[in-house]
Protein backbone atom coordinates (compact mmCIF):
# COMPACT_ATOMS: atom_id res chain seq x y z
CA MET A 1 -31.79 -8.89 14.40
CA THR A 2 -31.82 -5.44 15.94
CA VAL A 3 -31.57 -4.93 19.67
CA SER A 4 -33.32 -1.79 20.85
CA LEU A 5 -31.95 0.66 23.38
CA GLU A 6 -34.80 -0.38 25.68
CA ASP A 7 -33.70 -4.04 25.38
CA LEU A 8 -30.15 -3.06 26.32
CA ARG A 9 -31.38 -1.13 29.35
CA ARG A 10 -33.59 -3.99 30.45
CA ILE A 11 -30.78 -6.55 30.36
CA GLY A 12 -28.12 -4.24 31.81
CA LEU A 13 -26.03 -3.77 28.66
CA ASP A 14 -26.65 -0.07 28.07
CA VAL A 15 -23.12 0.60 29.28
CA PRO A 16 -20.20 2.24 27.46
CA TRP A 17 -17.94 -0.83 27.26
CA HIS A 18 -20.66 -2.91 25.63
CA LEU A 19 -21.65 -0.14 23.22
CA MET A 20 -17.99 0.40 22.26
CA ARG A 21 -17.56 -3.32 21.61
CA ARG A 22 -20.67 -3.36 19.41
CA LEU A 23 -19.44 -0.32 17.50
CA LEU A 24 -16.11 -2.07 16.87
CA GLN A 25 -17.99 -5.13 15.62
CA ALA A 26 -20.00 -2.91 13.26
CA HIS A 27 -16.75 -1.32 12.11
CA ALA A 28 -15.19 -4.73 11.42
CA ALA A 29 -18.21 -5.86 9.41
CA ARG A 30 -18.26 -2.66 7.36
CA TRP A 31 -14.50 -2.92 6.84
CA GLN A 32 -14.89 -6.40 5.33
CA HIS A 33 -17.61 -5.25 2.91
CA GLN A 34 -16.55 -1.70 2.08
CA VAL A 35 -12.77 -1.58 2.42
CA SER A 36 -11.08 -4.97 2.11
CA ALA A 37 -11.64 -8.62 2.87
CA ASP A 38 -7.87 -9.20 2.59
CA ILE A 39 -6.35 -6.35 4.60
CA THR A 40 -7.45 -5.80 8.20
CA SER A 41 -7.83 -2.46 9.89
CA PRO A 42 -4.63 -2.99 11.96
CA GLN A 43 -2.74 -3.97 8.80
CA PHE A 44 -4.00 -0.82 7.11
CA GLY A 45 -2.87 1.16 10.17
CA LEU A 46 0.62 -0.25 9.90
CA LEU A 47 0.76 0.55 6.18
CA ARG A 48 -0.35 4.10 6.93
CA VAL A 49 2.29 4.57 9.64
CA LEU A 50 5.03 3.36 7.30
CA ASP A 51 3.78 5.58 4.50
CA ARG A 52 4.24 8.60 6.75
CA CYS A 53 7.41 7.32 8.47
CA PRO A 54 9.37 5.13 6.00
CA GLY A 55 12.13 3.02 7.51
CA LEU A 56 10.65 3.12 11.00
CA GLU A 57 11.81 0.49 13.47
CA GLN A 58 9.26 -2.27 14.04
CA GLY A 59 9.14 -1.76 17.82
CA ARG A 60 8.42 1.93 17.36
CA VAL A 61 5.59 1.12 14.93
CA GLY A 62 4.07 -1.06 17.63
CA GLN A 63 4.42 1.68 20.23
CA LEU A 64 2.72 4.22 17.99
CA MET A 65 -0.12 1.82 17.23
CA ARG A 66 -0.36 0.65 20.87
CA LEU A 67 0.28 -2.97 19.86
CA ASP A 68 2.37 -5.51 21.73
CA LYS A 69 5.58 -6.80 20.15
CA ASN A 70 4.13 -10.14 19.05
CA THR A 71 1.08 -8.57 17.39
CA THR A 72 3.24 -6.01 15.60
CA ALA A 73 5.64 -8.71 14.40
CA ASP A 74 2.72 -10.87 13.20
CA ILE A 75 1.13 -8.01 11.25
CA ALA A 76 4.48 -7.04 9.70
CA ARG A 77 5.23 -10.67 8.78
CA ARG A 78 1.83 -11.07 7.08
CA LEU A 79 2.26 -7.84 5.11
CA GLU A 80 5.78 -8.83 4.11
CA ARG A 81 4.52 -12.21 2.85
CA LYS A 82 1.96 -10.34 0.74
CA GLY A 83 4.77 -8.24 -0.74
CA LEU A 84 3.40 -5.01 0.78
CA LEU A 85 6.33 -4.16 3.01
CA ALA A 86 10.02 -4.94 3.18
CA SER A 87 12.13 -5.33 6.28
CA GLU A 88 15.84 -5.18 6.90
CA ARG A 89 18.02 -5.43 9.95
CA ASP A 90 19.22 -2.13 11.35
CA PRO A 91 22.94 -1.88 10.48
CA ALA A 92 23.54 -0.14 13.82
CA ASP A 93 21.70 -2.80 15.86
CA ALA A 94 20.92 -6.16 14.25
CA ARG A 95 18.22 -6.84 16.87
CA ARG A 96 16.07 -4.10 15.34
CA LYS A 97 14.02 -4.44 12.15
CA LEU A 98 13.46 -1.46 9.90
CA LEU A 99 10.24 -1.50 7.88
CA GLN A 100 9.20 0.25 4.70
CA LEU A 101 6.44 -0.05 2.16
CA THR A 102 7.08 -1.70 -1.16
CA PRO A 103 5.66 -0.09 -4.32
CA SER A 104 2.80 -2.64 -4.08
CA GLY A 105 2.15 -1.56 -0.49
CA GLN A 106 2.09 2.09 -1.51
CA ALA A 107 -0.32 1.37 -4.36
CA LEU A 108 -2.63 -0.66 -2.12
CA LEU A 109 -2.65 2.07 0.51
CA ARG A 110 -3.61 4.67 -2.11
CA ASP A 111 -6.43 2.38 -3.25
CA LEU A 112 -7.74 1.74 0.28
CA GLU A 113 -7.53 5.26 1.72
CA PRO A 114 -10.62 6.66 -0.08
CA ARG A 115 -12.59 3.53 0.84
CA VAL A 116 -11.66 3.95 4.50
CA GLN A 117 -12.61 7.61 4.41
CA ARG A 118 -16.02 6.82 2.84
CA MET A 119 -16.70 4.09 5.39
CA GLU A 120 -15.79 6.37 8.30
CA GLU A 121 -17.93 9.18 6.93
CA GLU A 122 -20.87 6.81 6.55
CA MET A 123 -20.47 5.44 10.07
CA LEU A 124 -20.33 8.94 11.56
CA SER A 125 -22.97 10.51 9.31
CA VAL A 126 -25.66 10.00 11.96
CA LEU A 127 -23.87 12.56 14.15
CA ALA A 128 -25.26 15.92 13.05
CA GLY A 129 -23.38 19.22 12.97
CA ASP A 130 -20.11 18.98 14.86
CA GLY A 131 -21.09 15.60 16.29
CA ALA A 132 -18.36 13.66 14.48
CA GLN A 133 -15.67 16.12 15.63
CA ASP A 134 -17.08 16.07 19.17
CA PHE A 135 -17.04 12.26 19.13
CA HIS A 136 -13.43 12.26 17.91
CA ARG A 137 -12.39 14.69 20.66
CA ALA A 138 -14.21 12.60 23.26
CA LEU A 139 -12.36 9.48 22.12
CA HIS A 140 -9.04 11.30 22.47
CA ARG A 141 -9.93 12.46 25.99
CA LEU A 142 -10.96 8.92 26.99
CA LEU A 143 -7.73 7.47 25.62
CA GLU A 144 -5.55 10.10 27.27
CA HIS A 145 -7.24 9.38 30.59
CA ASN A 146 -7.19 5.59 30.34
CA GLU A 147 -3.86 4.84 28.61
CA ARG A 148 -1.70 6.15 31.40
């Protein structure tokens, strides 16, 4: 069932927070169908971070992804159970966990990356010209302003 822009205006939901939430719901649904039903977007994000920064400390991964400690630990634990990442205690500080992708994690990431790119391109294809780049820049400005 489609809700028109006029419907949203009439009921008071033509506001950014509601539209952003709906866009995230659309993203989640597309992710399930086009990318993976087994790996979530945050799990993919963690895999991508570790691909670019192998051996990164778990707390730092969470900081970079703007996740709390419990969420980061849960995502890492799930990926480790799936054999996609390995963890070890930091020899310099046993309280810290160092994370790295396993060969299976690297292979899965390589498989998922083109799917993610296609999905993102499809979602943003409605934005003509430089619209997708403008949208991306606007998101960065909003985050910089609101994540202080």
